Amino acid sequence: MQVVRLADAKAYEAPGHFGCRTLRLQGFDASGAKAFHVGLSHFLPAGGCEHSSSPIEKVYVVTEGEVTIVTDAGEATLGPYDSIHLAPDEARSIENRTNRPASMLTILPHPPPEP
């Protein structure tokens, strides 16, 4: 068992994010999780993430506030405990269109090892 307390979670840089603070809760340097990592993102009003894609699938779970996920197929606004799955290579952007902060868990598999 490996507990990571929020008070001990380390910040990390998430590429393309703005108006955002990201914390690693599990995986990589936070714990021994080998197959996935879990992050917690706090988005300020007008904060978000640029439109981009990556070859790994993602799951987002909003815990507080509201964020809008924009994909090439449309958009979805998520509130507390709403979640979304994004397929590998599915481009998305994240927008906090409100005047209140929003928080979201991010669950992603670790990238495959390079050959």
N, C-alpha and C. Protein backbone atom coordinates (compact mmCIF):
# COMPACT_ATOMS: atom_id res chain seq x y z
N MET A 1 0.85 -1.17 0.00
CA MET A 1 0.00 0.00 0.00
C MET A 1 0.90 1.23 0.00
N GLN A 2 0.53 2.20 -0.82
CA GLN A 2 1.30 3.42 -0.90
C GLN A 2 0.36 4.61 -0.91
N VAL A 3 0.36 5.37 0.18
CA VAL A 3 -0.52 6.53 0.34
C VAL A 3 0.23 7.78 -0.11
N VAL A 4 -0.41 8.61 -0.89
CA VAL A 4 0.12 9.92 -1.25
C VAL A 4 -0.87 10.95 -0.71
N ARG A 5 -0.42 11.72 0.25
CA ARG A 5 -1.26 12.77 0.83
C ARG A 5 -1.23 13.99 -0.08
N LEU A 6 -2.37 14.66 -0.19
CA LEU A 6 -2.45 15.85 -1.02
C LEU A 6 -1.38 16.86 -0.61
N ALA A 7 -1.15 16.99 0.69
CA ALA A 7 -0.15 17.95 1.18
C ALA A 7 1.25 17.62 0.67
N ASP A 8 1.50 16.35 0.30
CA ASP A 8 2.81 15.93 -0.17
C ASP A 8 2.90 15.81 -1.69
N ALA A 9 1.79 16.01 -2.39
CA ALA A 9 1.77 15.86 -3.85
C ALA A 9 2.67 16.93 -4.48
N LYS A 10 3.44 16.52 -5.47
CA LYS A 10 4.37 17.42 -6.15
C LYS A 10 3.74 17.98 -7.43
N ALA A 11 4.02 19.25 -7.67
CA ALA A 11 3.56 19.89 -8.90
C ALA A 11 4.36 19.37 -10.09
N TYR A 12 3.75 19.37 -11.26
CA TYR A 12 4.46 19.01 -12.48
C TYR A 12 3.96 19.91 -13.61
N GLU A 13 4.76 20.03 -14.64
CA GLU A 13 4.41 20.85 -15.79
C GLU A 13 3.63 20.01 -16.80
N ALA A 14 2.44 20.44 -17.11
CA ALA A 14 1.63 19.76 -18.13
C ALA A 14 1.73 20.59 -19.41
N PRO A 15 2.27 20.02 -20.48
CA PRO A 15 2.45 20.78 -21.71
C PRO A 15 1.14 21.38 -22.22
N GLY A 16 1.20 22.63 -22.65
CA GLY A 16 0.05 23.28 -23.26
C GLY A 16 -1.00 23.80 -22.29
N HIS A 17 -0.80 23.61 -21.00
CA HIS A 17 -1.76 24.07 -20.01
C HIS A 17 -1.45 25.52 -19.61
N PHE A 18 -2.49 26.27 -19.28
CA PHE A 18 -2.34 27.67 -18.86
C PHE A 18 -3.40 27.98 -17.80
N GLY A 19 -3.07 28.89 -16.90
CA GLY A 19 -3.98 29.20 -15.81
C GLY A 19 -4.33 27.96 -15.01
N CYS A 20 -3.32 27.13 -14.78
CA CYS A 20 -3.55 25.79 -14.23
C CYS A 20 -2.40 25.39 -13.33
N ARG A 21 -2.72 24.69 -12.27
CA ARG A 21 -1.72 24.07 -11.38
C ARG A 21 -1.99 22.58 -11.41
N THR A 22 -0.96 21.78 -11.69
CA THR A 22 -1.12 20.33 -11.79
C THR A 22 -0.29 19.64 -10.71
N LEU A 23 -0.90 18.63 -10.08
CA LEU A 23 -0.24 17.86 -9.03
C LEU A 23 -0.29 16.39 -9.38
N ARG A 24 0.80 15.67 -9.12
CA ARG A 24 0.86 14.24 -9.36
C ARG A 24 0.41 13.52 -8.09
N LEU A 25 -0.66 12.71 -8.19
CA LEU A 25 -1.17 11.96 -7.04
C LEU A 25 -0.68 10.53 -7.01
N GLN A 26 -0.53 9.90 -8.16
CA GLN A 26 -0.06 8.52 -8.27
C GLN A 26 0.74 8.36 -9.55
N GLY A 27 1.66 7.41 -9.54
CA GLY A 27 2.45 7.10 -10.72
C GLY A 27 3.69 7.98 -10.86
N PHE A 28 4.52 7.63 -11.81
CA PHE A 28 5.80 8.29 -12.05
C PHE A 28 6.56 8.47 -10.74
N ASP A 29 6.94 9.68 -10.38
CA ASP A 29 7.73 9.88 -9.17
C ASP A 29 6.89 9.96 -7.90
N ALA A 30 5.56 9.87 -8.01
CA ALA A 30 4.68 10.00 -6.84
C ALA A 30 4.46 8.66 -6.13
N SER A 31 4.46 7.56 -6.88
CA SER A 31 4.19 6.25 -6.28
C SER A 31 4.71 5.15 -7.20
N GLY A 32 4.51 3.92 -6.77
CA GLY A 32 4.97 2.78 -7.54
C GLY A 32 4.01 2.32 -8.63
N ALA A 33 2.93 3.04 -8.87
CA ALA A 33 1.99 2.65 -9.93
C ALA A 33 2.74 2.56 -11.26
N LYS A 34 2.65 1.42 -11.91
CA LYS A 34 3.42 1.18 -13.14
C LYS A 34 2.60 1.33 -14.43
N ALA A 35 1.29 1.09 -14.34
CA ALA A 35 0.48 1.06 -15.55
C ALA A 35 -0.20 2.39 -15.86
N PHE A 36 -0.32 3.27 -14.88
CA PHE A 36 -1.08 4.51 -15.07
C PHE A 36 -0.57 5.58 -14.11
N HIS A 37 -1.03 6.80 -14.35
CA HIS A 37 -0.77 7.86 -13.38
C HIS A 37 -2.05 8.68 -13.21
N VAL A 38 -2.16 9.30 -12.04
CA VAL A 38 -3.32 10.11 -11.69
C VAL A 38 -2.82 11.49 -11.30
N GLY A 39 -3.40 12.51 -11.90
CA GLY A 39 -3.06 13.88 -11.59
C GLY A 39 -4.30 14.63 -11.12
N LEU A 40 -4.06 15.75 -10.50
CA LEU A 40 -5.14 16.65 -10.09
C LEU A 40 -4.80 18.01 -10.67
N SER A 41 -5.70 18.53 -11.50
CA SER A 41 -5.50 19.82 -12.14
C SER A 41 -6.48 20.83 -11.57
N HIS A 42 -5.95 21.99 -11.20
CA HIS A 42 -6.78 23.10 -10.72
C HIS A 42 -6.73 24.19 -11.79
N PHE A 43 -7.88 24.51 -12.38
CA PHE A 43 -7.97 25.51 -13.45
C PHE A 43 -8.59 26.80 -12.91
N LEU A 44 -7.89 27.90 -13.08
CA LEU A 44 -8.44 29.21 -12.75
C LEU A 44 -9.48 29.60 -13.79
N PRO A 45 -10.33 30.60 -13.52
CA PRO A 45 -11.22 31.10 -14.57
C PRO A 45 -10.41 31.48 -15.81
N ALA A 46 -10.89 31.08 -16.96
CA ALA A 46 -10.25 31.28 -18.27
C ALA A 46 -9.00 30.40 -18.44
N GLY A 47 -8.71 29.52 -17.49
CA GLY A 47 -7.60 28.59 -17.64
C GLY A 47 -8.01 27.40 -18.48
N GLY A 48 -7.03 26.62 -18.89
CA GLY A 48 -7.35 25.43 -19.68
C GLY A 48 -6.13 24.79 -20.30
N CYS A 49 -6.36 24.18 -21.45
CA CYS A 49 -5.32 23.45 -22.17
C CYS A 49 -5.53 23.66 -23.66
N GLU A 50 -4.44 23.91 -24.37
CA GLU A 50 -4.51 24.10 -25.82
C GLU A 50 -5.02 22.84 -26.51
N HIS A 51 -5.58 23.03 -27.70
CA HIS A 51 -6.11 21.91 -28.49
C HIS A 51 -4.93 21.07 -28.99
N SER A 52 -4.89 19.81 -28.58
CA SER A 52 -3.81 18.91 -28.98
C SER A 52 -4.26 17.47 -28.77
N SER A 53 -3.44 16.56 -29.25
CA SER A 53 -3.73 15.13 -29.07
C SER A 53 -2.46 14.43 -28.63
N SER A 54 -2.64 13.21 -28.13
CA SER A 54 -1.51 12.36 -27.80
C SER A 54 -1.93 10.91 -28.08
N PRO A 55 -0.98 10.00 -28.21
CA PRO A 55 -1.32 8.62 -28.57
C PRO A 55 -1.87 7.78 -27.42
N ILE A 56 -2.14 8.38 -26.26
CA ILE A 56 -2.67 7.61 -25.14
C ILE A 56 -4.07 8.06 -24.79
N GLU A 57 -4.90 7.12 -24.34
CA GLU A 57 -6.25 7.46 -23.92
C GLU A 57 -6.22 8.19 -22.58
N LYS A 58 -7.30 8.91 -22.29
CA LYS A 58 -7.38 9.70 -21.06
C LYS A 58 -8.77 9.58 -20.46
N VAL A 59 -8.84 9.69 -19.14
CA VAL A 59 -10.12 9.83 -18.44
C VAL A 59 -10.00 11.06 -17.56
N TYR A 60 -10.98 11.94 -17.63
CA TYR A 60 -11.05 13.12 -16.78
C TYR A 60 -12.28 13.00 -15.90
N VAL A 61 -12.14 13.37 -14.63
CA VAL A 61 -13.26 13.40 -13.68
C VAL A 61 -13.23 14.76 -12.99
N VAL A 62 -14.26 15.56 -13.21
CA VAL A 62 -14.33 16.87 -12.56
C VAL A 62 -14.74 16.64 -11.10
N THR A 63 -14.03 17.29 -10.18
CA THR A 63 -14.36 17.15 -8.76
C THR A 63 -14.98 18.42 -8.20
N GLU A 64 -14.67 19.56 -8.79
CA GLU A 64 -15.24 20.83 -8.35
C GLU A 64 -15.36 21.75 -9.55
N GLY A 65 -16.39 22.60 -9.55
CA GLY A 65 -16.54 23.59 -10.61
C GLY A 65 -17.04 22.97 -11.90
N GLU A 66 -16.62 23.58 -13.01
CA GLU A 66 -17.12 23.17 -14.32
C GLU A 66 -16.04 23.42 -15.36
N VAL A 67 -15.81 22.44 -16.22
CA VAL A 67 -14.90 22.61 -17.35
C VAL A 67 -15.60 22.13 -18.62
N THR A 68 -15.18 22.70 -19.72
CA THR A 68 -15.70 22.30 -21.03
C THR A 68 -14.57 21.64 -21.79
N ILE A 69 -14.83 20.43 -22.28
CA ILE A 69 -13.88 19.69 -23.10
C ILE A 69 -14.34 19.84 -24.54
N VAL A 70 -13.44 20.34 -25.39
CA VAL A 70 -13.76 20.57 -26.80
C VAL A 70 -12.95 19.58 -27.63
N THR A 71 -13.64 18.78 -28.45
CA THR A 71 -12.98 17.87 -29.37
C THR A 71 -13.37 18.25 -30.79
N ASP A 72 -12.79 17.59 -31.76
CA ASP A 72 -13.14 17.87 -33.15
C ASP A 72 -14.58 17.47 -33.45
N ALA A 73 -15.16 16.60 -32.62
CA ALA A 73 -16.54 16.13 -32.82
C ALA A 73 -17.58 16.98 -32.09
N GLY A 74 -17.13 17.87 -31.19
CA GLY A 74 -18.08 18.69 -30.43
C GLY A 74 -17.51 19.05 -29.07
N GLU A 75 -18.40 19.39 -28.15
CA GLU A 75 -17.94 19.76 -26.82
C GLU A 75 -18.89 19.24 -25.77
N ALA A 76 -18.36 19.09 -24.55
CA ALA A 76 -19.14 18.63 -23.41
C ALA A 76 -18.71 19.44 -22.20
N THR A 77 -19.70 19.97 -21.48
CA THR A 77 -19.43 20.69 -20.24
C THR A 77 -19.66 19.73 -19.09
N LEU A 78 -18.66 19.60 -18.23
CA LEU A 78 -18.68 18.64 -17.13
C LEU A 78 -18.74 19.38 -15.80
N GLY A 79 -19.58 18.88 -14.90
CA GLY A 79 -19.66 19.39 -13.54
C GLY A 79 -19.15 18.35 -12.58
N PRO A 80 -19.31 18.59 -11.28
CA PRO A 80 -18.77 17.66 -10.28
C PRO A 80 -19.21 16.21 -10.50
N TYR A 81 -18.21 15.34 -10.54
CA TYR A 81 -18.33 13.88 -10.68
C TYR A 81 -18.79 13.44 -12.06
N ASP A 82 -18.87 14.37 -13.01
CA ASP A 82 -19.03 13.99 -14.41
C ASP A 82 -17.65 13.56 -14.91
N SER A 83 -17.64 12.65 -15.87
CA SER A 83 -16.36 12.18 -16.40
C SER A 83 -16.44 12.03 -17.91
N ILE A 84 -15.27 11.95 -18.52
CA ILE A 84 -15.19 11.80 -19.97
C ILE A 84 -14.00 10.91 -20.30
N HIS A 85 -14.16 10.07 -21.31
CA HIS A 85 -13.08 9.25 -21.84
C HIS A 85 -12.69 9.81 -23.20
N LEU A 86 -11.40 9.98 -23.42
CA LEU A 86 -10.88 10.42 -24.71
C LEU A 86 -10.01 9.32 -25.27
N ALA A 87 -10.28 8.94 -26.51
CA ALA A 87 -9.57 7.85 -27.16
C ALA A 87 -8.15 8.28 -27.54
N PRO A 88 -7.26 7.31 -27.77
CA PRO A 88 -5.92 7.66 -28.25
C PRO A 88 -6.02 8.52 -29.51
N ASP A 89 -5.18 9.53 -29.60
CA ASP A 89 -5.11 10.46 -30.74
C ASP A 89 -6.34 11.34 -30.92
N GLU A 90 -7.26 11.34 -29.96
CA GLU A 90 -8.43 12.23 -30.03
C GLU A 90 -8.01 13.61 -29.51
N ALA A 91 -8.02 14.60 -30.41
CA ALA A 91 -7.62 15.95 -30.03
C ALA A 91 -8.67 16.55 -29.11
N ARG A 92 -8.17 17.34 -28.12
CA ARG A 92 -9.08 17.99 -27.18
C ARG A 92 -8.44 19.27 -26.67
N SER A 93 -9.30 20.18 -26.25
CA SER A 93 -8.85 21.32 -25.45
C SER A 93 -9.73 21.35 -24.21
N ILE A 94 -9.24 22.04 -23.18
CA ILE A 94 -9.95 22.16 -21.92
C ILE A 94 -10.14 23.64 -21.66
N GLU A 95 -11.37 24.03 -21.26
CA GLU A 95 -11.66 25.43 -21.00
C GLU A 95 -12.46 25.57 -19.71
N ASN A 96 -12.01 26.45 -18.84
CA ASN A 96 -12.84 26.85 -17.70
C ASN A 96 -13.48 28.17 -18.11
N ARG A 97 -14.74 28.11 -18.52
CA ARG A 97 -15.47 29.28 -19.02
C ARG A 97 -16.20 30.03 -17.91
N THR A 98 -16.00 29.62 -16.68
CA THR A 98 -16.71 30.23 -15.56
C THR A 98 -15.81 31.22 -14.82
N ASN A 99 -16.38 31.89 -13.84
CA ASN A 99 -15.62 32.80 -13.00
C ASN A 99 -15.22 32.17 -11.67
N ARG A 100 -15.28 30.85 -11.61
CA ARG A 100 -14.89 30.11 -10.41
C ARG A 100 -13.81 29.09 -10.77
N PRO A 101 -12.92 28.77 -9.84
CA PRO A 101 -11.93 27.72 -10.11
C PRO A 101 -12.61 26.36 -10.32
N ALA A 102 -11.93 25.49 -11.03
CA ALA A 102 -12.42 24.13 -11.27
C ALA A 102 -11.28 23.16 -11.02
N SER A 103 -11.62 21.96 -10.55
CA SER A 103 -10.62 20.92 -10.29
C SER A 103 -11.03 19.64 -11.01
N MET A 104 -10.02 18.90 -11.49
CA MET A 104 -10.29 17.72 -12.30
C MET A 104 -9.20 16.68 -12.07
N LEU A 105 -9.60 15.43 -11.85
CA LEU A 105 -8.67 14.31 -11.83
C LEU A 105 -8.36 13.91 -13.26
N THR A 106 -7.11 13.56 -13.52
CA THR A 106 -6.72 13.05 -14.83
C THR A 106 -6.11 11.67 -14.63
N ILE A 107 -6.62 10.70 -15.36
CA ILE A 107 -6.14 9.32 -15.26
C ILE A 107 -5.66 8.91 -16.64
N LEU A 108 -4.38 8.56 -16.74
CA LEU A 108 -3.77 8.22 -18.03
C LEU A 108 -2.85 7.02 -17.87
N PRO A 109 -2.80 6.15 -18.87
CA PRO A 109 -1.81 5.07 -18.81
C PRO A 109 -0.42 5.68 -19.01
N HIS A 110 0.58 5.00 -18.48
CA HIS A 110 1.96 5.44 -18.74
C HIS A 110 2.24 5.23 -20.22
N PRO A 111 3.03 6.10 -20.82
CA PRO A 111 3.39 5.87 -22.22
C PRO A 111 4.20 4.59 -22.35
N PRO A 112 4.09 3.91 -23.48
CA PRO A 112 4.88 2.69 -23.65
C PRO A 112 6.37 3.02 -23.65
N PRO A 113 7.20 2.09 -23.15
CA PRO A 113 8.65 2.34 -23.15
C PRO A 113 9.17 2.51 -24.57
N GLU A 114 10.15 3.36 -24.71
CA GLU A 114 10.74 3.56 -26.03
C GLU A 114 11.67 2.39 -26.35
N PRO A 115 11.65 1.93 -27.62
CA PRO A 115 12.49 0.78 -27.99
C PRO A 115 13.96 1.08 -27.92
